[in-house]
Amino acid sequence: MAPTPRPTLLLLFTSSIFFYLAAVSESNLSYNYYDKSCPKFAQIIQDTVTDKQIKSPTTAAGTLRLYFHDCFANGCDGSALISSTAFNRAERDADINLSLPGDAFDLVTRAKVALELTCPNTVSCSDILAVATRDLVTMVGGPFYSVLLGRRDYRVSKSSAVPGNLPLPSMSTSQMIDMFAARGFSAQEMVALSGAHTIGFSHCKEFTAQLYSNGTGSGGYNPRFAQALQKACANYKKDPSISVFNDIMTPNKFDNLYYQNLPKGLGLLASDHGLVSDGRTRPFVELYARDQNKFFKDFAKAMQKLSVYGIKTGRRGEIRHRCDAAN
């Protein structure tokens, strides 16, 4: 009887295949993909982003969250943008995605309409989302990073593909590390990407279980902060829309105060607390808390890596006419 493959060798083989396929897909991308086919691409995205962010200041955080949910679950392919139909419940209607903000979807729709008028059937929705996210991060004070272009939009979007493929606010650090590792991300890259919580907000239902059960020990809430949260979320069961800023100090500015808040017990989610209480991730929290430039550099690199995760190119995807529906 043939010997059973050793798990470590099998894992190495599987990882090698994954990175080979990723490299093949990535080779079809370029930074100047639309220079000839849609020369106004970057300007149209920038104009749309600027107008939307000025009118709705929460757009940056909402778009960053939508982008992460699209990429991390099943690859950066715009599948999270597709609306459900009578015959299919799409990703955006999975339970964890129901709180994704409408402003983010509206931004992509506006950009797509403008681009279709200028260069029809040319720019993918997944490329729009990738560049709009980068531009918004930069607009609110975060780092600029180059984005490879040439993704195609996936034709399939099913809510059943989401559960178990996105981090939950209640997850332990070990669970988070394992989930990121399965996608080729290190613990440090996970901590860097968690810095996205420097902007935006979370609904009370996402952290109240931790709020009322956890003490003020390691990884717990600052007592005064806990009292303020309990007061703010007092009626969340009657009004599920009640939310709190992830970074109470500079909620609309992309900076490193998120990391400075964590050791003080000012983190909002259980997963935030875990980053500072776990010895595998705390050194990176401390590093980014004292060195914003290092955080920006590592965040930018991790976002570039995320932006090519699970992408579809060539015949594996399409250029949608509308971002909320497959052709």
C-alpha atoms as a PDB file:
ATOM      1  CA  MET A   1       0.000   0.000   0.000  1.00  0.00           C
ATOM      2  CA  ALA A   2       1.328   3.439  -0.925  1.00  0.00           C
ATOM      3  CA  PRO A   3       2.451   5.562   2.022  1.00  0.00           C
ATOM      4  CA  THR A   4       0.125   8.334   3.136  1.00  0.00           C
ATOM      5  CA  PRO A   5       1.505  11.791   2.188  1.00  0.00           C
ATOM      6  CA  ARG A   6       2.903  13.667   5.155  1.00  0.00           C
ATOM      7  CA  PRO A   7       0.666  16.673   6.052  1.00  0.00           C
ATOM      8  CA  THR A   8       3.573  19.107   5.900  1.00  0.00           C
ATOM      9  CA  LEU A   9       4.553  17.987   2.395  1.00  0.00           C
ATOM     10  CA  LEU A  10       0.935  18.083   1.259  1.00  0.00           C
ATOM     11  CA  LEU A  11       0.576  21.595   2.645  1.00  0.00           C
ATOM     12  CA  LEU A  12       3.740  22.712   0.882  1.00  0.00           C
ATOM     13  CA  PHE A  13       2.537  21.203  -2.396  1.00  0.00           C
ATOM     14  CA  THR A  14      -0.879  22.843  -2.077  1.00  0.00           C
ATOM     15  CA  SER A  15       0.678  26.204  -1.207  1.00  0.00           C
ATOM     16  CA  SER A  16       3.038  25.943  -4.172  1.00  0.00           C
ATOM     17  CA  ILE A  17       0.142  25.317  -6.554  1.00  0.00           C
ATOM     18  CA  PHE A  18      -1.763  28.256  -5.059  1.00  0.00           C
ATOM     19  CA  PHE A  19       1.103  30.695  -5.470  1.00  0.00           C
ATOM     20  CA  TYR A  20       1.843  29.393  -8.993  1.00  0.00           C
ATOM     21  CA  LEU A  21      -1.757  30.023 -10.060  1.00  0.00           C
ATOM     22  CA  ALA A  22      -1.699  33.429  -8.351  1.00  0.00           C
ATOM     23  CA  ALA A  23       1.482  34.334 -10.219  1.00  0.00           C
ATOM     24  CA  VAL A  24      -0.058  33.294 -13.547  1.00  0.00           C
ATOM     25  CA  SER A  25      -3.136  35.422 -12.903  1.00  0.00           C
ATOM     26  CA  GLU A  26      -1.096  38.346 -11.664  1.00  0.00           C
ATOM     27  CA  SER A  27       1.078  38.242 -14.792  1.00  0.00           C
ATOM     28  CA  ASN A  28      -1.985  39.338 -16.789  1.00  0.00           C
ATOM     29  CA  LEU A  29      -2.212  42.569 -14.806  1.00  0.00           C
ATOM     30  CA  SER A  30      -0.343  45.831 -15.252  1.00  0.00           C
ATOM     31  CA  TYR A  31      -0.269  49.296 -13.719  1.00  0.00           C
ATOM     32  CA  ASN A  32      -1.021  50.965 -17.059  1.00  0.00           C
ATOM     33  CA  TYR A  33      -3.696  48.523 -18.206  1.00  0.00           C
ATOM     34  CA  TYR A  34      -6.165  51.256 -19.229  1.00  0.00           C
ATOM     35  CA  ASP A  35      -3.720  53.836 -20.557  1.00  0.00           C
ATOM     36  CA  LYS A  36      -4.789  53.241 -24.157  1.00  0.00           C
ATOM     37  CA  SER A  37      -8.258  51.711 -23.818  1.00  0.00           C
ATOM     38  CA  CYS A  38      -9.560  54.217 -21.239  1.00  0.00           C
ATOM     39  CA  PRO A  39      -7.046  57.036 -20.669  1.00  0.00           C
ATOM     40  CA  LYS A  40      -9.414  58.977 -18.392  1.00  0.00           C
ATOM     41  CA  PHE A  41      -9.911  55.988 -16.075  1.00  0.00           C
ATOM     42  CA  ALA A  42      -7.877  57.307 -13.130  1.00  0.00           C
ATOM     43  CA  GLN A  43      -9.326  60.821 -13.362  1.00  0.00           C
ATOM     44  CA  ILE A  44     -12.916  59.587 -13.512  1.00  0.00           C
ATOM     45  CA  ILE A  45     -12.369  57.412 -10.444  1.00  0.00           C
ATOM     46  CA  GLN A  46     -10.700  60.284  -8.590  1.00  0.00           C
ATOM     47  CA  ASP A  47     -13.478  62.745  -9.424  1.00  0.00           C
ATOM     48  CA  THR A  48     -16.187  60.289  -8.400  1.00  0.00           C
ATOM     49  CA  VAL A  49     -14.416  59.408  -5.157  1.00  0.00           C
ATOM     50  CA  THR A  50     -13.822  63.038  -4.197  1.00  0.00           C
ATOM     51  CA  ASP A  51     -17.417  64.058  -4.824  1.00  0.00           C
ATOM     52  CA  LYS A  52     -18.839  61.098  -2.909  1.00  0.00           C
ATOM     53  CA  GLN A  53     -16.506  61.396   0.093  1.00  0.00           C
ATOM     54  CA  ILE A  54     -17.232  65.114   0.478  1.00  0.00           C
ATOM     55  CA  LYS A  55     -20.981  64.498   0.447  1.00  0.00           C
ATOM     56  CA  SER A  56     -20.815  61.322   2.592  1.00  0.00           C
ATOM     57  CA  PRO A  57     -17.723  61.298   4.862  1.00  0.00           C
ATOM     58  CA  THR A  58     -18.271  57.673   5.917  1.00  0.00           C
ATOM     59  CA  THR A  59     -17.760  56.479   2.335  1.00  0.00           C
ATOM     60  CA  ALA A  60     -14.034  55.816   2.798  1.00  0.00           C
ATOM     61  CA  ALA A  61     -14.488  53.406   5.682  1.00  0.00           C
ATOM     62  CA  GLY A  62     -17.488  51.753   4.049  1.00  0.00           C
ATOM     63  CA  THR A  63     -15.677  51.192   0.764  1.00  0.00           C
ATOM     64  CA  LEU A  64     -12.590  49.812   2.501  1.00  0.00           C
ATOM     65  CA  ARG A  65     -14.803  47.332   4.354  1.00  0.00           C
ATOM     66  CA  LEU A  66     -16.677  46.341   1.188  1.00  0.00           C
ATOM     67  CA  TYR A  67     -13.365  45.814  -0.591  1.00  0.00           C
ATOM     68  CA  PHE A  68     -12.040  43.570   2.174  1.00  0.00           C
ATOM     69  CA  HIS A  69     -15.244  41.522   2.223  1.00  0.00           C
ATOM     70  CA  ASP A  70     -15.122  41.094  -1.543  1.00  0.00           C
ATOM     71  CA  CYS A  71     -11.443  40.135  -1.676  1.00  0.00           C
ATOM     72  CA  PHE A  72     -10.976  38.051   1.443  1.00  0.00           C
ATOM     73  CA  ALA A  73     -13.978  35.769   1.054  1.00  0.00           C
ATOM     74  CA  ASN A  74     -13.517  34.546  -2.513  1.00  0.00           C
ATOM     75  CA  GLY A  75     -10.991  36.799  -4.222  1.00  0.00           C
ATOM     76  CA  CYS A  76     -10.997  40.366  -5.573  1.00  0.00           C
ATOM     77  CA  ASP A  77     -13.549  39.728  -8.309  1.00  0.00           C
ATOM     78  CA  GLY A  78     -16.460  42.070  -7.605  1.00  0.00           C
ATOM     79  CA  SER A  79     -18.750  39.195  -6.626  1.00  0.00           C
ATOM     80  CA  ALA A  80     -19.811  41.060  -3.468  1.00  0.00           C
ATOM     81  CA  LEU A  81     -21.301  43.790  -5.678  1.00  0.00           C
ATOM     82  CA  ILE A  82     -23.905  41.553  -7.337  1.00  0.00           C
ATOM     83  CA  SER A  83     -27.489  41.878  -6.121  1.00  0.00           C
ATOM     84  CA  SER A  84     -29.672  38.915  -5.273  1.00  0.00           C
ATOM     85  CA  THR A  85     -32.442  37.783  -7.599  1.00  0.00           C
ATOM     86  CA  ALA A  86     -35.536  35.636  -7.216  1.00  0.00           C
ATOM     87  CA  PHE A  87     -33.350  32.687  -8.183  1.00  0.00           C
ATOM     88  CA  ASN A  88     -30.130  33.434  -6.292  1.00  0.00           C
ATOM     89  CA  ARG A  89     -29.150  34.844  -2.916  1.00  0.00           C
ATOM     90  CA  ALA A  90     -25.916  36.716  -3.582  1.00  0.00           C
ATOM     91  CA  GLU A  91     -22.882  37.370  -1.346  1.00  0.00           C
ATOM     92  CA  ARG A  92     -24.030  40.826  -0.353  1.00  0.00           C
ATOM     93  CA  ASP A  93     -27.063  39.245   1.346  1.00  0.00           C
ATOM     94  CA  ALA A  94     -25.029  36.863   3.498  1.00  0.00           C
ATOM     95  CA  ASP A  95     -25.669  37.705   7.151  1.00  0.00           C
ATOM     96  CA  ILE A  96     -22.223  39.219   7.749  1.00  0.00           C
ATOM     97  CA  ASN A  97     -22.584  41.441   4.666  1.00  0.00           C
ATOM     98  CA  LEU A  98     -26.007  42.873   5.444  1.00  0.00           C
ATOM     99  CA  SER A  99     -24.388  45.777   7.313  1.00  0.00           C
ATOM    100  CA  LEU A 100     -22.167  46.780   4.379  1.00  0.00           C
ATOM    101  CA  PRO A 101     -23.005  50.465   3.777  1.00  0.00           C
ATOM    102  CA  GLY A 102     -24.979  51.618   0.780  1.00  0.00           C
ATOM    103  CA  ASP A 103     -22.596  54.513   0.121  1.00  0.00           C
ATOM    104  CA  ALA A 104     -19.868  52.085  -0.931  1.00  0.00           C
ATOM    105  CA  PHE A 105     -22.097  50.342  -3.464  1.00  0.00           C
ATOM    106  CA  ASP A 106     -23.361  53.705  -4.703  1.00  0.00           C
ATOM    107  CA  LEU A 107     -19.811  54.919  -5.254  1.00  0.00           C
ATOM    108  CA  VAL A 108     -18.982  51.951  -7.481  1.00  0.00           C
ATOM    109  CA  THR A 109     -22.226  52.392  -9.403  1.00  0.00           C
ATOM    110  CA  ARG A 110     -21.525  56.086 -10.029  1.00  0.00           C
ATOM    111  CA  ALA A 111     -17.987  55.381 -11.201  1.00  0.00           C
ATOM    112  CA  LYS A 112     -19.172  52.571 -13.482  1.00  0.00           C
ATOM    113  CA  VAL A 113     -21.826  54.768 -15.111  1.00  0.00           C
ATOM    114  CA  ALA A 114     -19.279  57.531 -15.758  1.00  0.00           C
ATOM    115  CA  LEU A 115     -16.765  55.070 -17.203  1.00  0.00           C
ATOM    116  CA  GLU A 116     -19.332  53.363 -19.432  1.00  0.00           C
ATOM    117  CA  LEU A 117     -20.166  56.746 -20.967  1.00  0.00           C
ATOM    118  CA  THR A 118     -16.495  57.386 -21.718  1.00  0.00           C
ATOM    119  CA  CYS A 119     -15.160  53.926 -22.561  1.00  0.00           C
ATOM    120  CA  PRO A 120     -17.942  51.316 -22.781  1.00  0.00           C
ATOM    121  CA  ASN A 121     -17.348  47.648 -21.935  1.00  0.00           C
ATOM    122  CA  THR A 122     -13.756  48.306 -20.915  1.00  0.00           C
ATOM    123  CA  VAL A 123     -13.301  48.718 -17.150  1.00  0.00           C
ATOM    124  CA  SER A 124     -14.198  45.951 -14.689  1.00  0.00           C
ATOM    125  CA  CYS A 125     -16.135  46.606 -11.512  1.00  0.00           C
ATOM    126  CA  SER A 126     -13.420  44.837  -9.507  1.00  0.00           C
ATOM    127  CA  ASP A 127     -10.806  47.292 -10.824  1.00  0.00           C
ATOM    128  CA  ILE A 128     -13.102  50.206  -9.976  1.00  0.00           C
ATOM    129  CA  LEU A 129     -13.472  48.975  -6.404  1.00  0.00           C
ATOM    130  CA  ALA A 130      -9.723  48.382  -6.012  1.00  0.00           C
ATOM    131  CA  VAL A 131      -8.689  51.851  -7.190  1.00  0.00           C
ATOM    132  CA  ALA A 132     -11.552  53.675  -5.455  1.00  0.00           C
ATOM    133  CA  THR A 133     -10.553  52.038  -2.172  1.00  0.00           C
ATOM    134  CA  ARG A 134      -6.927  53.137  -2.589  1.00  0.00           C
ATOM    135  CA  ASP A 135      -7.944  56.687  -3.494  1.00  0.00           C
ATOM    136  CA  LEU A 136     -10.255  56.951  -0.492  1.00  0.00           C
ATOM    137  CA  VAL A 137      -7.627  55.626   1.927  1.00  0.00           C
ATOM    138  CA  THR A 138      -5.230  58.271   0.619  1.00  0.00           C
ATOM    139  CA  MET A 139      -7.894  60.975   0.749  1.00  0.00           C
ATOM    140  CA  VAL A 140      -8.473  60.484   4.497  1.00  0.00           C
ATOM    141  CA  GLY A 141      -4.766  60.556   5.309  1.00  0.00           C
ATOM    142  CA  GLY A 142      -3.572  57.027   4.608  1.00  0.00           C
ATOM    143  CA  PRO A 143      -0.735  55.807   2.379  1.00  0.00           C
ATOM    144  CA  PHE A 144      -0.753  55.793  -1.400  1.00  0.00           C
ATOM    145  CA  TYR A 145       0.083  52.481  -3.052  1.00  0.00           C
ATOM    146  CA  SER A 146       0.106  51.347  -6.665  1.00  0.00           C
ATOM    147  CA  VAL A 147      -2.711  49.060  -7.837  1.00  0.00           C
ATOM    148  CA  LEU A 148      -2.301  46.470 -10.561  1.00  0.00           C
ATOM    149  CA  LEU A 149      -5.164  46.531 -13.075  1.00  0.00           C
ATOM    150  CA  GLY A 150      -6.796  44.094 -15.444  1.00  0.00           C
ATOM    151  CA  ARG A 151      -9.063  42.072 -13.146  1.00  0.00           C
ATOM    152  CA  ARG A 152     -12.209  40.550 -14.555  1.00  0.00           C
ATOM    153  CA  ASP A 153     -15.545  40.355 -12.757  1.00  0.00           C
ATOM    154  CA  TYR A 154     -16.711  36.963 -11.599  1.00  0.00           C
ATOM    155  CA  ARG A 155     -20.054  35.744 -12.926  1.00  0.00           C
ATOM    156  CA  VAL A 156     -21.055  33.856  -9.780  1.00  0.00           C
ATOM    157  CA  SER A 157     -22.077  35.272  -6.399  1.00  0.00           C
ATOM    158  CA  LYS A 158     -23.644  33.051  -3.743  1.00  0.00           C
ATOM    159  CA  SER A 159     -24.279  33.894  -0.102  1.00  0.00           C
ATOM    160  CA  SER A 160     -23.456  30.302   0.836  1.00  0.00           C
ATOM    161  CA  ALA A 161     -19.818  30.950  -0.145  1.00  0.00           C
ATOM    162  CA  VAL A 162     -19.351  33.591   2.572  1.00  0.00           C
ATOM    163  CA  PRO A 163     -19.820  31.897   5.987  1.00  0.00           C
ATOM    164  CA  GLY A 164     -16.482  30.717   7.357  1.00  0.00           C
ATOM    165  CA  ASN A 165     -14.534  32.828   4.874  1.00  0.00           C
ATOM    166  CA  LEU A 166     -14.611  36.211   6.624  1.00  0.00           C
ATOM    167  CA  PRO A 167     -13.249  37.123  10.062  1.00  0.00           C
ATOM    168  CA  LEU A 168     -15.884  37.642  12.753  1.00  0.00           C
ATOM    169  CA  PRO A 169     -15.613  40.366  15.430  1.00  0.00           C
ATOM    170  CA  SER A 170     -15.842  37.673  18.111  1.00  0.00           C
ATOM    171  CA  MET A 171     -13.020  35.497  16.744  1.00  0.00           C
ATOM    172  CA  SER A 172      -9.983  34.624  18.848  1.00  0.00           C
ATOM    173  CA  THR A 173      -6.552  35.666  17.661  1.00  0.00           C
ATOM    174  CA  SER A 174      -5.695  32.033  16.904  1.00  0.00           C
ATOM    175  CA  GLN A 175      -8.734  31.714  14.664  1.00  0.00           C
ATOM    176  CA  MET A 176      -7.829  34.963  12.932  1.00  0.00           C
ATOM    177  CA  ILE A 177      -4.219  33.925  12.380  1.00  0.00           C
ATOM    178  CA  ASP A 178      -5.327  30.591  10.912  1.00  0.00           C
ATOM    179  CA  MET A 179      -7.825  32.242   8.578  1.00  0.00           C
ATOM    180  CA  PHE A 180      -5.267  34.729   7.265  1.00  0.00           C
ATOM    181  CA  ALA A 181      -2.570  32.067   6.984  1.00  0.00           C
ATOM    182  CA  ALA A 182      -4.864  29.958   4.809  1.00  0.00           C
ATOM    183  CA  ARG A 183      -4.777  32.860   2.341  1.00  0.00           C
ATOM    184  CA  GLY A 184      -1.037  33.323   2.515  1.00  0.00           C
ATOM    185  CA  PHE A 185      -0.944  36.227   4.981  1.00  0.00           C
ATOM    186  CA  SER A 186       1.371  36.372   7.987  1.00  0.00           C
ATOM    187  CA  ALA A 187       0.363  37.415  11.488  1.00  0.00           C
ATOM    188  CA  GLN A 188       2.098  40.758  10.935  1.00  0.00           C
ATOM    189  CA  GLU A 189       0.190  41.353   7.702  1.00  0.00           C
ATOM    190  CA  MET A 190      -3.013  40.520   9.570  1.00  0.00           C
ATOM    191  CA  VAL A 191      -2.216  43.125  12.232  1.00  0.00           C
ATOM    192  CA  ALA A 192      -1.360  45.691   9.541  1.00  0.00           C
ATOM    193  CA  LEU A 193      -4.652  45.100   7.723  1.00  0.00           C
ATOM    194  CA  SER A 194      -6.513  45.347  11.034  1.00  0.00           C
ATOM    195  CA  GLY A 195      -5.351  48.959  11.063  1.00  0.00           C
ATOM    196  CA  ALA A 196      -8.254  49.622   8.692  1.00  0.00           C
ATOM    197  CA  HIS A 197     -10.238  49.957  11.927  1.00  0.00           C
ATOM    198  CA  THR A 198      -8.629  53.361  12.360  1.00  0.00           C
ATOM    199  CA  ILE A 199     -11.643  54.680  10.401  1.00  0.00           C
ATOM    200  CA  GLY A 200     -15.292  53.708  10.356  1.00  0.00           C
ATOM    201  CA  PHE A 201     -17.682  52.315  12.919  1.00  0.00           C
ATOM    202  CA  SER A 202     -19.153  49.062  14.223  1.00  0.00           C
ATOM    203  CA  HIS A 203     -22.724  48.282  15.176  1.00  0.00           C
ATOM    204  CA  CYS A 204     -23.371  47.614  18.857  1.00  0.00           C
ATOM    205  CA  LYS A 205     -24.507  44.041  18.196  1.00  0.00           C
ATOM    206  CA  GLU A 206     -20.961  43.229  17.078  1.00  0.00           C
ATOM    207  CA  PHE A 207     -19.366  43.842  20.478  1.00  0.00           C
ATOM    208  CA  THR A 208     -22.006  44.001  23.230  1.00  0.00           C
ATOM    209  CA  ALA A 209     -21.541  40.336  24.199  1.00  0.00           C
ATOM    210  CA  GLN A 210     -17.908  41.112  24.959  1.00  0.00           C
ATOM    211  CA  LEU A 211     -18.850  44.409  26.569  1.00  0.00           C
ATOM    212  CA  TYR A 212     -21.170  42.901  29.183  1.00  0.00           C
ATOM    213  CA  SER A 213     -19.238  39.714  29.897  1.00  0.00           C
ATOM    214  CA  ASN A 214     -15.610  40.812  29.918  1.00  0.00           C
ATOM    215  CA  GLY A 215     -13.902  42.403  32.878  1.00  0.00           C
ATOM    216  CA  THR A 216     -11.164  45.009  32.864  1.00  0.00           C
ATOM    217  CA  GLY A 217      -8.271  42.586  32.868  1.00  0.00           C
ATOM    218  CA  SER A 218      -5.883  41.802  30.023  1.00  0.00           C
ATOM    219  CA  GLY A 219      -7.557  42.469  26.721  1.00  0.00           C
ATOM    220  CA  GLY A 220     -10.615  44.036  28.382  1.00  0.00           C
ATOM    221  CA  TYR A 221     -12.199  47.450  28.125  1.00  0.00           C
ATOM    222  CA  ASN A 222     -11.075  50.552  29.942  1.00  0.00           C
ATOM    223  CA  PRO A 223     -13.745  50.897  32.691  1.00  0.00           C
ATOM    224  CA  ARG A 224     -14.810  54.420  31.699  1.00  0.00           C
ATOM    225  CA  PHE A 225     -14.884  53.423  28.047  1.00  0.00           C
ATOM    226  CA  ALA A 226     -17.021  50.394  28.913  1.00  0.00           C
ATOM    227  CA  GLN A 227     -19.514  52.610  30.734  1.00  0.00           C
ATOM    228  CA  ALA A 228     -19.700  54.989  27.793  1.00  0.00           C
ATOM    229  CA  LEU A 229     -20.276  52.101  25.382  1.00  0.00           C
ATOM    230  CA  GLN A 230     -22.995  50.607  27.567  1.00  0.00           C
ATOM    231  CA  LYS A 231     -24.756  53.961  27.597  1.00  0.00           C
ATOM    232  CA  ALA A 232     -24.374  54.471  23.841  1.00  0.00           C
ATOM    233  CA  CYS A 233     -25.667  50.969  23.075  1.00  0.00           C
ATOM    234  CA  ALA A 234     -28.423  50.863  25.683  1.00  0.00           C
ATOM    235  CA  ASN A 235     -31.213  50.662  23.075  1.00  0.00           C
ATOM    236  CA  TYR A 236     -29.422  48.707  20.348  1.00  0.00           C
ATOM    237  CA  LYS A 237     -31.874  45.795  20.512  1.00  0.00           C
ATOM    238  CA  LYS A 238     -34.704  48.165  19.597  1.00  0.00           C
ATOM    239  CA  ASP A 239     -32.547  50.036  17.103  1.00  0.00           C
ATOM    240  CA  PRO A 240     -29.945  47.708  15.492  1.00  0.00           C
ATOM    241  CA  SER A 241     -28.506  50.612  13.509  1.00  0.00           C
ATOM    242  CA  ILE A 242     -26.863  52.156  16.591  1.00  0.00           C
ATOM    243  CA  SER A 243     -23.100  52.150  16.088  1.00  0.00           C
ATOM    244  CA  VAL A 244     -19.857  53.427  17.613  1.00  0.00           C
ATOM    245  CA  PHE A 245     -16.644  54.662  15.987  1.00  0.00           C
ATOM    246  CA  ASN A 246     -13.866  52.058  15.865  1.00  0.00           C
ATOM    247  CA  ASP A 247     -11.285  54.719  16.770  1.00  0.00           C
ATOM    248  CA  ILE A 248     -12.814  57.148  19.250  1.00  0.00           C
ATOM    249  CA  MET A 249      -9.887  59.570  19.019  1.00  0.00           C
ATOM    250  CA  THR A 250      -9.643  60.303  15.264  1.00  0.00           C
ATOM    251  CA  PRO A 251     -12.528  58.352  13.679  1.00  0.00           C
ATOM    252  CA  ASN A 252     -12.323  60.016  10.270  1.00  0.00           C
ATOM    253  CA  LYS A 253      -8.547  60.124   9.908  1.00  0.00           C
ATOM    254  CA  PHE A 254      -6.394  57.241   8.733  1.00  0.00           C
ATOM    255  CA  ASP A 255      -3.563  57.144  11.280  1.00  0.00           C
ATOM    256  CA  ASN A 256      -1.994  54.842  13.879  1.00  0.00           C
ATOM    257  CA  LEU A 257      -4.108  55.863  16.876  1.00  0.00           C
ATOM    258  CA  TYR A 258      -6.034  52.612  16.562  1.00  0.00           C
ATOM    259  CA  TYR A 259      -2.903  50.799  17.764  1.00  0.00           C
ATOM    260  CA  GLN A 260      -2.239  53.349  20.497  1.00  0.00           C
ATOM    261  CA  ASN A 261      -5.789  52.833  21.770  1.00  0.00           C
ATOM    262  CA  LEU A 262      -5.561  49.042  22.134  1.00  0.00           C
ATOM    263  CA  PRO A 263      -3.174  48.820  25.149  1.00  0.00           C
ATOM    264  CA  LYS A 264      -5.332  51.440  26.895  1.00  0.00           C
ATOM    265  CA  GLY A 265      -8.424  49.233  26.696  1.00  0.00           C
ATOM    266  CA  LEU A 266      -9.997  51.427  24.022  1.00  0.00           C
ATOM    267  CA  GLY A 267     -10.400  48.725  21.391  1.00  0.00           C
ATOM    268  CA  LEU A 268     -13.978  48.106  20.305  1.00  0.00           C
ATOM    269  CA  LEU A 269     -14.189  44.502  19.101  1.00  0.00           C
ATOM    270  CA  ALA A 270     -13.118  41.266  20.763  1.00  0.00           C
ATOM    271  CA  SER A 271     -10.781  40.670  17.818  1.00  0.00           C
ATOM    272  CA  ASP A 272      -9.174  44.080  18.503  1.00  0.00           C
ATOM    273  CA  HIS A 273      -8.550  43.172  22.131  1.00  0.00           C
ATOM    274  CA  GLY A 274      -7.025  39.880  21.073  1.00  0.00           C
ATOM    275  CA  LEU A 275      -4.321  41.599  19.027  1.00  0.00           C
ATOM    276  CA  VAL A 276      -2.872  43.266  22.115  1.00  0.00           C
ATOM    277  CA  SER A 277      -3.370  40.375  24.546  1.00  0.00           C
ATOM    278  CA  ASP A 278      -1.789  37.686  22.344  1.00  0.00           C
ATOM    279  CA  GLY A 279       1.998  37.429  22.407  1.00  0.00           C
ATOM    280  CA  ARG A 280       2.156  36.606  18.706  1.00  0.00           C
ATOM    281  CA  THR A 281       0.539  39.878  17.640  1.00  0.00           C
ATOM    282  CA  ARG A 282       1.199  42.342  20.472  1.00  0.00           C
ATOM    283  CA  PRO A 283       4.748  43.216  19.245  1.00  0.00           C
ATOM    284  CA  PHE A 284       3.290  44.400  15.942  1.00  0.00           C
ATOM    285  CA  VAL A 285       0.612  46.438  17.723  1.00  0.00           C
ATOM    286  CA  GLU A 286       3.352  48.114  19.755  1.00  0.00           C
ATOM    287  CA  LEU A 287       5.485  48.652  16.643  1.00  0.00           C
ATOM    288  CA  TYR A 288       2.711  50.371  14.720  1.00  0.00           C
ATOM    289  CA  ALA A 289       1.628  52.359  17.780  1.00  0.00           C
ATOM    290  CA  ARG A 290       5.009  54.063  17.976  1.00  0.00           C
ATOM    291  CA  ASP A 291       5.837  54.217  14.258  1.00  0.00           C
ATOM    292  CA  GLN A 292       3.079  55.426  11.927  1.00  0.00           C
ATOM    293  CA  ASN A 293       5.386  55.383   8.898  1.00  0.00           C
ATOM    294  CA  LYS A 294       6.071  51.688   9.455  1.00  0.00           C
ATOM    295  CA  PHE A 295       2.346  51.027   9.761  1.00  0.00           C
ATOM    296  CA  PHE A 296       1.632  52.909   6.534  1.00  0.00           C
ATOM    297  CA  LYS A 297       4.385  51.034   4.688  1.00  0.00           C
ATOM    298  CA  ASP A 298       3.223  47.620   5.881  1.00  0.00           C
ATOM    299  CA  PHE A 299      -0.460  48.419   5.363  1.00  0.00           C
ATOM    300  CA  ALA A 300       0.252  49.488   1.780  1.00  0.00           C
ATOM    301  CA  LYS A 301       2.185  46.262   1.067  1.00  0.00           C
ATOM    302  CA  ALA A 302      -0.534  44.113   2.618  1.00  0.00           C
ATOM    303  CA  MET A 303      -3.212  45.897   0.587  1.00  0.00           C
ATOM    304  CA  GLN A 304      -1.243  45.326  -2.607  1.00  0.00           C
ATOM    305  CA  LYS A 305      -1.006  41.646  -1.721  1.00  0.00           C
ATOM    306  CA  LEU A 306      -4.716  41.478  -0.907  1.00  0.00           C
ATOM    307  CA  SER A 307      -5.595  43.231  -4.167  1.00  0.00           C
ATOM    308  CA  VAL A 308      -4.387  40.292  -6.266  1.00  0.00           C
ATOM    309  CA  TYR A 309      -5.779  37.537  -4.059  1.00  0.00           C
ATOM    310  CA  GLY A 310      -8.096  35.198  -5.956  1.00  0.00           C
ATOM    311  CA  ILE A 311      -8.411  37.504  -8.960  1.00  0.00           C
ATOM    312  CA  LYS A 312     -10.067  36.422 -12.194  1.00  0.00           C
ATOM    313  CA  THR A 313      -8.475  37.280 -15.532  1.00  0.00           C
ATOM    314  CA  GLY A 314      -9.135  36.410 -19.168  1.00  0.00           C
ATOM    315  CA  ARG A 315     -11.983  33.973 -19.747  1.00  0.00           C
ATOM    316  CA  ARG A 316     -12.398  33.299 -16.041  1.00  0.00           C
ATOM    317  CA  GLY A 317     -14.344  36.535 -15.747  1.00  0.00           C
ATOM    318  CA  GLU A 318     -16.111  39.280 -17.660  1.00  0.00           C
ATOM    319  CA  ILE A 319     -16.506  43.043 -17.903  1.00  0.00           C
ATOM    320  CA  ARG A 320     -19.938  43.655 -16.416  1.00  0.00           C
ATOM    321  CA  HIS A 321     -22.232  46.215 -17.993  1.00  0.00           C
ATOM    322  CA  ARG A 322     -23.665  46.859 -14.529  1.00  0.00           C
ATOM    323  CA  CYS A 323     -21.772  46.150 -11.333  1.00  0.00           C
ATOM    324  CA  ASP A 324     -24.788  44.766  -9.500  1.00  0.00           C
ATOM    325  CA  ALA A 325     -25.571  42.076 -12.093  1.00  0.00           C
ATOM    326  CA  ALA A 326     -23.659  39.543 -14.143  1.00  0.00           C
ATOM    327  CA  ASN A 327     -24.045  39.943 -17.893  1.00  0.00           C
END
